[in-house]
Amino acid sequence: MDLSRSIIRSDRRSLLKSMAAGAGALAAGPLLARPAIAQAREITMISDASNNRPVVERIAADFERDTGVKVTINGIDHESNKTAIRNYLVTSPPDVCFWFSGNRMRAFVKRGLFDDITDLFQREKFYDVLGVMTQTVSVDDRQYGLPTGGSMWGMLYRKDVFAQHGLTPPKTWDEMIATCDKAAAAGLVPLGIGTKELWPAAGWFDYLNLRINGLDYHMRLMDGQATYLDPELTAVFDRWEDLIKRNYFLPNHTSYSWQQAAAFLVQGKAAMFFLGNFARRVFPDDQVEQLAFIPFPQIQPGIGPFEEFSVNSIHIPARAKNKELARDFLAYFYRPENLGAYLQPDGNIPARKDVKMQVDPLMQSVVDTLQAAKGTSQFYDRDTDPDMAQAGLNAFQEFMVAPDRRQAILQRLETTRKRVFKA
């Protein structure tokens, strides 16, 4: 079963009812009533949480207080975890770790590195509170993780900066060009971006393709069923190249991480920043109210709107030493009040339908955008094969630096597609 297509076909409104629903504490029930397990009463967790690290520590401390099971948290940088997990799942797996749903999860499932926790879903009745979101962590109708929450991609800007320079939030491509021109004339960077980590550039490819060619074509490309030499992609790269050659993007963006690049938006030096709503984490608390979110502009009337909704997840490695205690911790972590507290700092939309969170104007804009979408993908490196994704991430960054190499870049991508998908 294709995970992304499952999300696409689903009715996301059931998920978003969580924004108005009361959380209600779950009874401890079977978690605390279960007899002591004959193994070491401790578990280890690798966490790439940064903004919400205090919440993870609080949940772990509460779990130890209520069960007597010690949780040792080993922190790791989010970007470093993307590489390190390939090693520690094999050599020295923790009992619990954070990762991504979709194809990135499925790659580890195929290698036998994530534990099948279908029994936990059945025991805790997670199907009832997840509904269609169950599919984001499913392979062949078995579950291999718990979806925590999702983030939406869109155009972020400062309301005060737009007001100061008389800028208008763009709804169409032509309006975005006009806004960028006006921003540049005012001495602002029209479009902030940091591509040192590669993946922010892929967001531009995804959305241009979604807005020009639609969701079905985009997913066929992700599945290796379309070619990177298709004429359909000419318009995608033409639009992108136009932005590059107009010098709209942040200069030397390959030198900046997304956080470093987002500082230009925080400081009022960039007009817009295209990223997920998690970018709010770089804003000081007293400035978050100035941050606003709008959907990526429309390009082809009648196409979409289709959006990127990326869902994160938490897992038990297949080679974990304390799997039963890890299941108990996941059940505890996944209580609606705990999951809501974990998601709140980044403003991510909860996977559970019964999680209550504080909804500020920024998050409400994200929710409204998701509700209006006719379908969703996850993200380039979550929707396609991992080997194809790595080639694509490198290619998109290269294109943003040297758009004149377009044909050679696309030919390399096509060569990779044929190898990966055996086309």
Foldseek 3Di string as FASTA:
>chain_A
DALQVLQFPDQCVLLQLQQVFAQDFDDCPPLLPPDDDPDQLEFEEEEQDDLLVVLVVVLQVVCCVRRVRHYHYDYDHPLVCVVCVVPCLPPPDTQKYWWFFFQVLVVCVVVQWFDFVQVLCVVLVVCVFQPSVQSRQDDPNTGRFFWQFKWWWFKKAFQVLCVVQVADPAAAPVSLVVRLVSCVVVQAQAEFAACLSLFVLQVLLLQLCCQQPNDVVSLCVQALNDALPDPSCVSSLVSVVVCLVVNNYDPPNSVDDRLRRCVCRLVSRYGIYIDILLNLLSHDPVRSLRMAGDHDHHYDPPRWPEIAMTIMTMTGTSPHDCNVVSSSSVSSCPRQVNSQSSCASSLGRGSGSNHHHDADNRSVNRVVVVNRTSGYGHTSCNSHNVQLSVLVSVLSVVCSVPVVCVVVSSVVSRVSSCVVNVD
